[in-house]
């Protein structure tokens, strides 16, 4: 009876048993992944869009940019993640950087934004899942007409972003010459005066008849 081995390691040298135990402990963290259970990583899919107003920009006009930053919640209708291996989370350390075109002068922006040499940096901070933050930036158009002025905005965060192609937005617009105010020539002014004088005489005659 004392010589029987019941699979409990009886008769195996102590150093071999210690070696096996060390190997098992070393591989325990990756065993779930080896069996197809992927460890989920916290991530935030940040996206940005940008609009500009007015549609027609003239020289020295004030131009307003509206930027919308969203922490996308990417699950299908059944509640399953469509980004396998990632767990959605609130975004942290969210910053938006907007580069104004040459010749545009910064005027103002939303709280938390600052401008330096044509680059406007807005610190949003944290952004909950499925939430959006709206920023506005106002700048003055150049004093001379220009074409294809490009404004580019980029959003980044402290968390891993599984989708990078929606982190950038841009708009392009032209700057037209100032709208001209119609004026009358010298002869046009004379004709207008004659017509006004004639209209005044007619009004006086009507009052006398009454």
Protein backbone atom coordinates (compact mmCIF):
# COMPACT_ATOMS: atom_id res chain seq x y z
CA UNK A 1 0.00 0.00 0.00
CA UNK A 2 2.80 2.42 0.81
CA UNK A 3 4.28 2.05 -2.67
CA UNK A 4 1.04 2.85 -4.58
CA UNK A 5 0.82 6.18 -6.55
CA UNK A 6 -2.72 7.71 -6.60
CA UNK A 7 -1.77 10.56 -8.96
CA UNK A 8 -1.06 12.93 -6.12
CA UNK A 9 2.57 13.40 -7.03
CA UNK A 10 3.88 10.76 -4.62
CA UNK A 11 7.36 9.82 -5.68
CA UNK A 12 7.89 13.02 -7.79
CA UNK A 13 10.88 15.04 -6.61
CA UNK A 14 10.01 18.21 -4.74
CA UNK A 15 11.83 20.50 -7.21
CA UNK A 16 9.72 19.14 -10.10
CA UNK A 17 6.49 19.78 -8.23
CA UNK A 18 7.60 23.36 -7.45
CA UNK A 19 8.49 23.91 -11.10
CA UNK A 20 5.04 22.75 -12.27
CA UNK A 21 3.34 25.01 -9.71
CA UNK A 22 5.36 28.03 -10.90
CA UNK A 23 4.43 27.37 -14.52
CA UNK A 24 0.71 27.12 -13.67
CA UNK A 25 0.80 30.37 -11.68
CA UNK A 26 2.61 32.14 -14.55
CA UNK A 27 0.00 31.10 -17.14
CA UNK A 28 -3.15 31.64 -15.06
CA UNK A 29 -3.73 35.29 -16.29
CA UNK A 30 -3.80 34.25 -19.97
CA UNK A 31 -5.85 31.10 -19.57
CA UNK A 32 -9.21 32.88 -20.13
CA UNK A 33 -7.93 34.35 -23.42
CA UNK A 34 -6.61 30.92 -24.45
CA UNK A 35 -10.18 29.62 -24.12
CA UNK A 36 -11.63 32.48 -26.19
CA UNK A 37 -12.69 34.83 -23.40
CA UNK A 38 -11.11 38.11 -24.44
CA UNK A 39 -10.24 40.58 -21.74
CA UNK A 40 -12.22 43.78 -22.35
CA UNK A 41 -10.43 47.09 -22.50
CA UNK A 42 -12.04 50.37 -21.43
CA UNK A 43 -12.43 52.63 -24.46
CA UNK A 44 -14.27 55.72 -25.69
CA UNK A 45 -15.17 56.32 -29.34
CA UNK A 46 -14.89 60.11 -29.62
CA UNK A 47 -16.30 61.78 -32.74
CA UNK A 48 -16.40 65.42 -33.88
CA UNK A 49 -18.37 67.43 -36.44
CA UNK A 50 -18.17 71.10 -37.41
CA UNK A 51 -20.43 73.68 -39.07
CA UNK A 52 -19.75 77.28 -40.08
CA UNK A 53 -22.06 80.29 -40.37
CA UNK A 54 -22.95 82.40 -42.28
CA UNK A 55 -23.07 80.45 -45.53
CA UNK A 56 -21.82 83.48 -47.48
CA UNK A 57 -18.82 85.14 -45.85
CA UNK A 58 -17.65 88.65 -46.82
CA UNK A 59 -14.44 90.39 -45.86
CA UNK A 60 -14.27 91.38 -42.17
CA UNK A 61 -17.40 89.34 -41.35
CA UNK A 62 -17.59 87.48 -38.06
CA UNK A 63 -17.63 83.72 -38.67
CA UNK A 64 -19.02 81.31 -36.08
CA UNK A 65 -17.88 77.69 -35.92
CA UNK A 66 -20.08 75.18 -34.10
CA UNK A 67 -18.29 72.00 -33.04
CA UNK A 68 -20.08 68.95 -31.64
CA UNK A 69 -18.06 66.32 -29.77
CA UNK A 70 -19.78 62.99 -29.01
CA UNK A 71 -18.76 59.97 -26.95
CA UNK A 72 -20.41 57.36 -29.17
CA UNK A 73 -22.16 54.43 -27.54
CA UNK A 74 -21.46 51.58 -29.92
CA UNK A 75 -23.77 48.70 -29.12
CA UNK A 76 -26.24 46.92 -31.36
CA UNK A 77 -29.97 46.63 -30.63
CA UNK A 78 -29.40 43.57 -28.47
CA UNK A 79 -26.96 45.39 -26.21
CA UNK A 80 -23.93 43.52 -27.49
CA UNK A 81 -20.70 45.39 -28.16
CA UNK A 82 -19.93 45.78 -31.85
CA UNK A 83 -16.26 46.30 -31.04
CA UNK A 84 -15.25 42.85 -29.78
CA UNK A 85 -12.77 43.01 -26.93
CA UNK A 86 -13.61 46.54 -25.78
CA UNK A 87 -15.81 47.87 -23.01
CA UNK A 88 -17.42 51.26 -23.46
CA UNK A 89 -16.59 53.85 -20.82
CA UNK A 90 -16.89 57.54 -20.03
CA UNK A 91 -14.25 59.56 -21.85
CA UNK A 92 -11.66 61.51 -19.88
CA UNK A 93 -9.09 64.12 -20.78
CA UNK A 94 -11.06 65.23 -23.86
CA UNK A 95 -9.37 68.09 -25.76
CA UNK A 96 -10.37 69.73 -29.04
CA UNK A 97 -7.79 71.59 -31.12
CA UNK A 98 -9.02 73.84 -33.95
CA UNK A 99 -6.64 75.41 -36.45
CA UNK A 100 -7.97 78.61 -38.04
CA UNK A 101 -7.01 79.58 -41.60
CA UNK A 102 -4.32 82.17 -42.18
CA UNK A 103 -5.80 85.66 -42.04
CA UNK A 104 -8.64 84.71 -39.67
CA UNK A 105 -8.52 86.59 -36.36
CA UNK A 106 -9.80 84.93 -33.18
CA UNK A 107 -12.62 86.82 -31.45
CA UNK A 108 -14.11 84.56 -28.77
CA UNK A 109 -14.90 80.95 -27.85
CA UNK A 110 -16.76 78.79 -25.34
CA UNK A 111 -15.64 78.52 -21.74
CA UNK A 112 -12.54 76.38 -21.36
CA UNK A 113 -11.09 77.47 -24.72
CA UNK A 114 -7.99 79.55 -25.39
CA UNK A 115 -6.30 80.78 -28.56
CA UNK A 116 -2.65 81.04 -29.48
CA UNK A 117 -1.29 81.91 -32.93
CA UNK A 118 -4.43 80.84 -34.76
CA UNK A 119 -4.87 77.59 -32.83
CA UNK A 120 -7.86 77.32 -30.48
CA UNK A 121 -7.60 74.67 -27.75
CA UNK A 122 -10.72 73.65 -25.82
CA UNK A 123 -10.48 71.48 -22.71
CA UNK A 124 -13.73 69.52 -22.31
CA UNK A 125 -12.39 67.14 -19.67
CA UNK A 126 -14.74 64.21 -19.04
CA UNK A 127 -17.59 63.24 -21.36
CA UNK A 128 -20.06 60.50 -20.30
CA UNK A 129 -21.02 57.72 -22.69
CA UNK A 130 -23.60 58.77 -25.31
CA UNK A 131 -23.18 62.42 -24.27
CA UNK A 132 -22.22 65.37 -26.48
CA UNK A 133 -20.52 68.69 -25.88
CA UNK A 134 -21.08 71.72 -28.12
CA UNK A 135 -18.38 74.36 -28.58
CA UNK A 136 -18.52 77.65 -30.46
CA UNK A 137 -15.63 79.64 -31.84
CA UNK A 138 -15.99 83.11 -33.36
CA UNK A 139 -13.35 84.59 -35.66
CA UNK A 140 -13.17 87.53 -38.04
CA UNK A 141 -12.70 86.94 -41.75
CA UNK A 142 -9.69 88.43 -43.57
CA UNK A 143 -9.79 91.99 -44.88
CA UNK A 144 -9.26 90.79 -48.45
CA UNK A 145 -11.17 88.23 -50.54
CA UNK A 146 -9.87 84.66 -50.34
CA UNK A 147 -10.79 81.21 -51.60
CA UNK A 148 -10.81 77.72 -50.06
CA UNK A 149 -10.01 78.72 -46.48
CA UNK A 150 -9.66 75.45 -44.55
CA UNK A 151 -10.47 75.09 -40.84
CA UNK A 152 -9.57 71.77 -39.19
CA UNK A 153 -10.56 70.44 -35.76
CA UNK A 154 -9.23 67.34 -33.95
CA UNK A 155 -10.53 65.66 -30.79
CA UNK A 156 -8.41 63.41 -28.55
CA UNK A 157 -8.88 61.81 -25.14
CA UNK A 158 -6.95 59.92 -22.50
CA UNK A 159 -8.75 56.62 -23.19
CA UNK A 160 -8.19 54.17 -26.02
CA UNK A 161 -10.28 55.14 -29.07
CA UNK A 162 -11.25 52.10 -31.18
CA UNK A 163 -12.39 54.29 -34.11
CA UNK A 164 -9.94 56.95 -35.28
CA UNK A 165 -11.47 58.05 -38.58
CA UNK A 166 -14.12 60.22 -36.88
CA UNK A 167 -11.71 62.22 -34.70
CA UNK A 168 -11.23 64.96 -37.30
CA UNK A 169 -13.61 67.48 -38.89
CA UNK A 170 -13.01 70.29 -41.37
CA UNK A 171 -14.86 73.01 -43.28
CA UNK A 172 -13.82 75.07 -46.29
CA UNK A 173 -15.32 78.40 -47.38
CA UNK A 174 -14.58 81.43 -49.56
CA UNK A 175 -14.42 85.06 -48.49
CA UNK A 176 -16.12 87.43 -50.93
CA UNK A 177 -15.61 91.15 -51.41
CA UNK A 178 -17.82 93.48 -49.39
CA UNK A 179 -21.35 93.76 -50.73
CA UNK A 180 -21.64 96.93 -52.82
CA UNK A 181 -24.31 99.51 -52.03
CA UNK A 182 -26.14 100.74 -55.16
CA UNK A 183 -25.59 104.46 -55.86
CA UNK A 184 -27.17 106.88 -58.32
CA UNK A 185 -25.23 108.82 -60.88
CA UNK A 186 -25.41 112.61 -61.03
CA UNK A 187 -28.14 112.55 -63.68
CA UNK A 188 -29.99 109.91 -61.70
CA UNK A 189 -30.03 112.18 -58.66
CA UNK A 190 -31.35 115.09 -60.77
CA UNK A 191 -34.14 112.90 -62.17
CA UNK A 192 -35.05 111.68 -58.69
CA UNK A 193 -35.26 115.28 -57.41
CA UNK A 194 -37.53 116.23 -60.33
CA UNK A 195 -39.82 113.26 -59.63
CA UNK A 196 -40.02 114.10 -55.94
CA UNK A 197 -40.77 117.74 -56.72
CA UNK A 198 -43.50 116.73 -59.17
CA UNK A 199 -45.02 114.35 -56.59
CA UNK A 200 -45.01 117.13 -53.97
CA UNK A 201 -46.79 119.56 -56.36
CA UNK A 202 -49.46 116.97 -57.09
CA UNK A 203 -50.08 116.42 -53.39
CA UNK A 204 -50.45 120.18 -52.77
CA UNK A 205 -52.95 120.52 -55.66
CA UNK A 206 -55.08 117.68 -54.32
CA UNK A 207 -55.25 119.30 -50.89
CA UNK A 208 -56.32 122.63 -52.47
CA UNK A 209 -59.10 120.91 -54.40
CA UNK A 210 -60.39 119.21 -51.27
